[in-house]
Structure formats: structure tokens, C-alpha cells
């Protein structure tokens, strides 16, 4: 829940006024998917690679000019790694970002 909450908070922080945010739940046999997408400012390929490699987060302003450090996403990735869960990031500067978390259902 902490990871999903952080992804939603981030999606809101980088969402310009008048743009949309979507949260797509999906459940398949043995797996739950959560996809959080926004029409925000987006991430470049280098920033995505830095995030996934564990490099220091890059600070940049949110859509309303608020200070954003990137540590929440780094903590979320660390939590997911501890649970052996992957996150897929699909993003382009301009059109926005989608973060997809794949959770295994444990009986």
C-alpha cells in the first residue's frame, strides 16, 4: 500500500492542471497489476535508468513548483526489491508516465 500511495502522490505532484491521472487495477491468475498513469511532465530514458539502477535520485520541481527529491520513489523501489516485485516504467518527457507494479498473490 505504501508503494501504491507513493506512486499516486508522485503522479499528482507531476500532473499539470487540467491533465488526467488514471489508476488501473487488474487481476489475473496469481498476479495483481496496479498501473498508475498521468499526463504529467514525464521522465527521460536516462532518469528512468538512474532510478532503476539505484543511482541517487534527481531533484526537480513538481507541476506546481514544489520541491521534489525523488527519495519516495527510491524507497518504493527498495520495498519492491525486498519483496522480489518488479516495477515497469513507461515514460516520455511531455506525454506523461505509467508505473506498473506486478504483485504475486500468496495463498
N, C-alpha and C. Protein backbone atom coordinates (compact mmCIF):
# COMPACT_ATOMS: atom_id res chain seq x y z
N UNK A 1 0.82 -1.19 0.00
CA UNK A 1 0.00 0.00 0.00
C UNK A 1 0.86 1.26 0.00
N UNK A 2 1.99 1.20 0.71
CA UNK A 2 2.89 2.36 0.76
C UNK A 2 3.42 2.68 -0.63
N UNK A 3 3.79 1.66 -1.37
CA UNK A 3 4.33 1.87 -2.72
C UNK A 3 3.26 2.47 -3.62
N UNK A 4 2.05 1.92 -3.60
CA UNK A 4 0.97 2.43 -4.44
C UNK A 4 0.64 3.87 -4.06
N UNK A 5 0.56 4.14 -2.76
CA UNK A 5 0.28 5.50 -2.28
C UNK A 5 1.35 6.48 -2.76
N UNK A 6 2.61 6.07 -2.71
CA UNK A 6 3.70 6.94 -3.17
C UNK A 6 3.61 7.19 -4.67
N UNK A 7 3.30 6.16 -5.44
CA UNK A 7 3.18 6.32 -6.89
C UNK A 7 2.03 7.27 -7.25
N UNK A 8 0.91 7.16 -6.52
CA UNK A 8 -0.22 8.06 -6.76
C UNK A 8 0.16 9.49 -6.38
N UNK A 9 0.81 9.66 -5.21
CA UNK A 9 1.25 11.00 -4.79
C UNK A 9 2.19 11.61 -5.82
N UNK A 10 3.12 10.83 -6.33
CA UNK A 10 4.05 11.33 -7.35
C UNK A 10 3.30 11.70 -8.63
N UNK A 11 2.36 10.86 -9.02
CA UNK A 11 1.59 11.15 -10.24
C UNK A 11 0.85 12.48 -10.10
N UNK A 12 0.35 12.76 -8.91
CA UNK A 12 -0.35 14.02 -8.66
C UNK A 12 0.63 15.19 -8.67
N UNK A 13 1.80 15.02 -8.05
CA UNK A 13 2.79 16.10 -7.98
C UNK A 13 3.23 16.57 -9.36
N UNK A 14 3.33 15.63 -10.30
CA UNK A 14 3.83 15.97 -11.64
C UNK A 14 2.71 16.12 -12.67
N UNK A 15 1.49 16.31 -12.20
CA UNK A 15 0.34 16.43 -13.07
C UNK A 15 -0.07 17.90 -13.22
N UNK A 16 0.13 18.47 -14.40
CA UNK A 16 -0.30 19.85 -14.61
C UNK A 16 -1.82 19.98 -14.51
N UNK A 17 -2.28 21.15 -14.13
CA UNK A 17 -3.71 21.42 -14.02
C UNK A 17 -4.39 21.14 -15.36
N UNK A 18 -5.54 20.45 -15.27
CA UNK A 18 -6.30 20.13 -16.47
C UNK A 18 -5.93 18.82 -17.13
N UNK A 19 -4.90 18.14 -16.65
CA UNK A 19 -4.49 16.85 -17.21
C UNK A 19 -5.08 15.73 -16.37
N UNK A 20 -4.96 14.48 -16.84
CA UNK A 20 -5.62 13.37 -16.14
C UNK A 20 -4.64 12.40 -15.50
N UNK A 21 -5.18 11.69 -14.51
CA UNK A 21 -4.49 10.64 -13.77
C UNK A 21 -5.40 9.42 -13.81
N UNK A 22 -4.82 8.25 -14.05
CA UNK A 22 -5.63 7.03 -14.03
C UNK A 22 -4.93 5.96 -13.18
N UNK A 23 -5.76 5.18 -12.50
CA UNK A 23 -5.27 4.05 -11.71
C UNK A 23 -6.03 2.83 -12.24
N UNK A 24 -5.29 1.89 -12.79
CA UNK A 24 -5.91 0.73 -13.43
C UNK A 24 -5.58 -0.52 -12.62
N UNK A 25 -6.59 -1.08 -11.94
CA UNK A 25 -6.37 -2.36 -11.27
C UNK A 25 -6.68 -3.49 -12.24
N UNK A 26 -5.91 -4.55 -12.15
CA UNK A 26 -6.15 -5.72 -12.99
C UNK A 26 -5.71 -6.94 -12.20
N UNK A 27 -6.49 -7.99 -12.31
CA UNK A 27 -6.16 -9.22 -11.59
C UNK A 27 -6.20 -10.39 -12.55
N UNK A 28 -5.12 -11.11 -12.60
CA UNK A 28 -5.04 -12.35 -13.38
C UNK A 28 -4.75 -13.48 -12.41
N UNK A 29 -4.72 -14.69 -12.89
CA UNK A 29 -4.45 -15.84 -12.02
C UNK A 29 -3.09 -15.67 -11.36
N UNK A 30 -3.09 -15.54 -10.04
CA UNK A 30 -1.85 -15.47 -9.27
C UNK A 30 -1.14 -14.12 -9.26
N UNK A 31 -1.67 -13.12 -9.97
CA UNK A 31 -0.98 -11.84 -10.06
C UNK A 31 -1.99 -10.69 -9.99
N UNK A 32 -1.61 -9.64 -9.28
CA UNK A 32 -2.38 -8.39 -9.27
C UNK A 32 -1.50 -7.33 -9.92
N UNK A 33 -2.06 -6.59 -10.85
CA UNK A 33 -1.36 -5.49 -11.50
C UNK A 33 -1.97 -4.18 -11.00
N UNK A 34 -1.14 -3.21 -10.76
CA UNK A 34 -1.60 -1.85 -10.48
C UNK A 34 -0.82 -0.93 -11.40
N UNK A 35 -1.53 -0.17 -12.20
CA UNK A 35 -0.88 0.75 -13.12
C UNK A 35 -1.37 2.16 -12.82
N UNK A 36 -0.43 3.05 -12.55
CA UNK A 36 -0.72 4.44 -12.27
C UNK A 36 -0.14 5.26 -13.42
N UNK A 37 -1.00 5.98 -14.14
CA UNK A 37 -0.57 6.76 -15.30
C UNK A 37 -1.02 8.20 -15.14
N UNK A 38 -0.21 9.12 -15.65
CA UNK A 38 -0.62 10.52 -15.67
C UNK A 38 -0.19 11.18 -16.97
N UNK A 39 -0.77 12.31 -17.23
CA UNK A 39 -0.38 13.14 -18.36
C UNK A 39 0.53 14.25 -17.84
N UNK A 40 1.50 13.84 -17.04
CA UNK A 40 2.41 14.78 -16.39
C UNK A 40 3.57 15.17 -17.27
N UNK A 41 4.64 15.62 -16.62
CA UNK A 41 5.79 16.14 -17.35
C UNK A 41 6.69 15.03 -17.89
N UNK A 42 6.55 13.81 -17.37
CA UNK A 42 7.29 12.66 -17.89
C UNK A 42 8.73 12.57 -17.41
N UNK A 43 9.33 11.42 -17.69
CA UNK A 43 10.72 11.14 -17.34
C UNK A 43 11.48 10.78 -18.60
N UNK A 44 12.71 11.24 -18.70
CA UNK A 44 13.56 10.84 -19.81
C UNK A 44 14.15 9.47 -19.56
N UNK A 45 14.66 8.84 -20.60
CA UNK A 45 15.23 7.50 -20.50
C UNK A 45 16.38 7.45 -19.49
N UNK A 46 17.24 8.45 -19.48
CA UNK A 46 18.36 8.48 -18.54
C UNK A 46 17.87 8.52 -17.10
N UNK A 47 16.83 9.29 -16.82
CA UNK A 47 16.29 9.37 -15.45
C UNK A 47 15.68 8.03 -15.04
N UNK A 48 14.99 7.37 -15.96
CA UNK A 48 14.42 6.05 -15.66
C UNK A 48 15.52 5.05 -15.35
N UNK A 49 16.56 5.03 -16.16
CA UNK A 49 17.68 4.11 -15.94
C UNK A 49 18.36 4.39 -14.60
N UNK A 50 18.52 5.67 -14.25
CA UNK A 50 19.11 6.02 -12.95
C UNK A 50 18.24 5.52 -11.80
N UNK A 51 16.93 5.71 -11.91
CA UNK A 51 16.02 5.24 -10.86
C UNK A 51 16.11 3.74 -10.67
N UNK A 52 16.05 3.01 -11.77
CA UNK A 52 16.04 1.55 -11.69
C UNK A 52 17.39 0.97 -11.29
N UNK A 53 18.47 1.70 -11.54
CA UNK A 53 19.81 1.21 -11.18
C UNK A 53 20.18 1.51 -9.72
N UNK A 54 19.37 2.35 -9.07
CA UNK A 54 19.67 2.69 -7.67
C UNK A 54 20.54 3.92 -7.53
N UNK A 55 20.76 4.65 -8.62
CA UNK A 55 21.55 5.88 -8.54
C UNK A 55 20.82 6.90 -7.67
N UNK A 56 21.55 7.90 -7.23
CA UNK A 56 20.95 8.95 -6.40
C UNK A 56 19.81 9.62 -7.16
N UNK A 57 18.69 9.87 -6.46
CA UNK A 57 17.56 10.50 -7.13
C UNK A 57 17.88 11.91 -7.59
N UNK A 58 17.21 12.30 -8.65
CA UNK A 58 17.38 13.64 -9.20
C UNK A 58 16.26 14.53 -8.68
N UNK A 59 16.62 15.67 -8.15
CA UNK A 59 15.63 16.62 -7.65
C UNK A 59 15.17 17.51 -8.81
N UNK A 60 13.86 17.72 -8.88
CA UNK A 60 13.32 18.64 -9.87
C UNK A 60 11.96 19.12 -9.37
N UNK A 61 11.51 20.25 -9.85
CA UNK A 61 10.23 20.77 -9.35
C UNK A 61 9.04 19.98 -9.88
N UNK A 62 7.99 19.91 -9.04
CA UNK A 62 6.74 19.30 -9.46
C UNK A 62 5.98 20.25 -10.37
N UNK A 63 4.79 19.87 -10.76
CA UNK A 63 3.99 20.67 -11.69
C UNK A 63 3.61 22.03 -11.11
N UNK A 64 3.49 22.12 -9.78
CA UNK A 64 3.13 23.38 -9.14
C UNK A 64 4.36 24.08 -8.56
N UNK A 65 5.55 23.62 -8.94
CA UNK A 65 6.79 24.24 -8.47
C UNK A 65 7.28 23.74 -7.12
N UNK A 66 6.57 22.75 -6.53
CA UNK A 66 7.00 22.22 -5.23
C UNK A 66 8.32 21.46 -5.37
N UNK A 67 9.08 21.41 -4.28
CA UNK A 67 10.36 20.72 -4.27
C UNK A 67 10.11 19.22 -4.19
N UNK A 68 10.71 18.48 -5.10
CA UNK A 68 10.57 17.02 -5.13
C UNK A 68 11.97 16.43 -5.18
N UNK A 69 12.27 15.53 -4.24
CA UNK A 69 13.62 14.99 -4.14
C UNK A 69 13.81 13.65 -4.84
N UNK A 70 12.75 12.88 -5.03
CA UNK A 70 12.86 11.57 -5.65
C UNK A 70 13.11 10.44 -4.67
N UNK A 71 13.24 10.77 -3.36
CA UNK A 71 13.52 9.73 -2.39
C UNK A 71 12.33 8.80 -2.17
N UNK A 72 11.10 9.29 -2.31
CA UNK A 72 9.92 8.43 -2.15
C UNK A 72 9.91 7.30 -3.16
N UNK A 73 10.24 7.63 -4.40
CA UNK A 73 10.29 6.60 -5.45
C UNK A 73 11.44 5.63 -5.19
N UNK A 74 12.55 6.15 -4.71
CA UNK A 74 13.70 5.29 -4.39
C UNK A 74 13.34 4.32 -3.25
N UNK A 75 12.63 4.81 -2.25
CA UNK A 75 12.19 3.95 -1.14
C UNK A 75 11.20 2.91 -1.65
N UNK A 76 10.29 3.34 -2.53
CA UNK A 76 9.32 2.39 -3.10
C UNK A 76 10.02 1.27 -3.86
N UNK A 77 11.02 1.63 -4.67
CA UNK A 77 11.77 0.61 -5.40
C UNK A 77 12.49 -0.33 -4.45
N UNK A 78 13.04 0.20 -3.37
CA UNK A 78 13.72 -0.66 -2.38
C UNK A 78 12.73 -1.63 -1.74
N UNK A 79 11.53 -1.15 -1.41
CA UNK A 79 10.49 -2.02 -0.83
C UNK A 79 10.11 -3.12 -1.81
N UNK A 80 9.92 -2.75 -3.07
CA UNK A 80 9.56 -3.75 -4.08
C UNK A 80 10.67 -4.77 -4.26
N UNK A 81 11.92 -4.32 -4.25
CA UNK A 81 13.05 -5.24 -4.38
C UNK A 81 13.09 -6.23 -3.23
N UNK A 82 12.79 -5.78 -2.02
CA UNK A 82 12.78 -6.67 -0.84
C UNK A 82 11.71 -7.76 -0.99
N UNK A 83 10.62 -7.42 -1.69
CA UNK A 83 9.54 -8.38 -1.90
C UNK A 83 9.70 -9.15 -3.21
N UNK A 84 10.81 -8.93 -3.92
CA UNK A 84 11.06 -9.55 -5.23
C UNK A 84 9.96 -9.21 -6.23
N UNK A 85 9.54 -7.95 -6.21
CA UNK A 85 8.49 -7.46 -7.09
C UNK A 85 9.11 -6.46 -8.06
N UNK A 86 8.68 -6.53 -9.31
CA UNK A 86 9.19 -5.62 -10.33
C UNK A 86 8.23 -4.47 -10.55
N UNK A 87 8.81 -3.35 -10.99
CA UNK A 87 8.01 -2.22 -11.43
C UNK A 87 8.47 -1.85 -12.83
N UNK A 88 7.51 -1.67 -13.72
CA UNK A 88 7.81 -1.24 -15.07
C UNK A 88 7.48 0.24 -15.19
N UNK A 89 8.37 0.97 -15.82
CA UNK A 89 8.16 2.40 -16.02
C UNK A 89 8.14 2.67 -17.52
N UNK A 90 7.06 3.28 -17.96
CA UNK A 90 6.94 3.69 -19.35
C UNK A 90 6.68 5.20 -19.33
N UNK A 91 7.64 5.96 -19.82
CA UNK A 91 7.51 7.41 -19.72
C UNK A 91 8.26 8.11 -20.84
N UNK A 92 7.74 9.25 -21.22
CA UNK A 92 8.37 10.11 -22.19
C UNK A 92 8.18 11.54 -21.72
N UNK A 93 9.19 12.35 -21.87
CA UNK A 93 9.06 13.75 -21.48
C UNK A 93 7.97 14.37 -22.33
N UNK A 94 7.00 14.96 -21.67
CA UNK A 94 5.89 15.61 -22.35
C UNK A 94 4.57 14.87 -22.18
N UNK A 95 4.43 13.66 -22.77
CA UNK A 95 3.13 12.98 -22.69
C UNK A 95 2.79 12.39 -21.32
N UNK A 96 3.78 12.11 -20.49
CA UNK A 96 3.47 11.58 -19.18
C UNK A 96 4.14 10.25 -18.89
N UNK A 97 3.67 9.61 -17.80
CA UNK A 97 4.32 8.40 -17.29
C UNK A 97 3.29 7.36 -16.87
N UNK A 98 3.69 6.09 -16.96
CA UNK A 98 2.93 4.97 -16.41
C UNK A 98 3.88 4.11 -15.58
N UNK A 99 3.48 3.83 -14.36
CA UNK A 99 4.22 2.96 -13.46
C UNK A 99 3.35 1.75 -13.20
N UNK A 100 3.87 0.56 -13.50
CA UNK A 100 3.10 -0.67 -13.34
C UNK A 100 3.81 -1.59 -12.35
N UNK A 101 3.07 -1.99 -11.31
CA UNK A 101 3.58 -2.88 -10.28
C UNK A 101 2.88 -4.22 -10.42
N UNK A 102 3.66 -5.31 -10.42
CA UNK A 102 3.13 -6.66 -10.56
C UNK A 102 3.30 -7.39 -9.24
N UNK A 103 2.22 -7.67 -8.55
CA UNK A 103 2.27 -8.32 -7.24
C UNK A 103 1.78 -9.75 -7.34
N UNK A 104 2.56 -10.68 -6.81
CA UNK A 104 2.14 -12.08 -6.78
C UNK A 104 1.18 -12.30 -5.63
N UNK A 105 0.14 -13.07 -5.89
CA UNK A 105 -0.83 -13.40 -4.85
C UNK A 105 -0.32 -14.62 -4.10
N UNK A 106 -0.15 -14.48 -2.80
CA UNK A 106 0.32 -15.58 -1.97
C UNK A 106 -0.88 -16.18 -1.25
N UNK A 107 -1.13 -17.48 -1.47
CA UNK A 107 -2.30 -18.11 -0.84
C UNK A 107 -2.15 -18.22 0.66
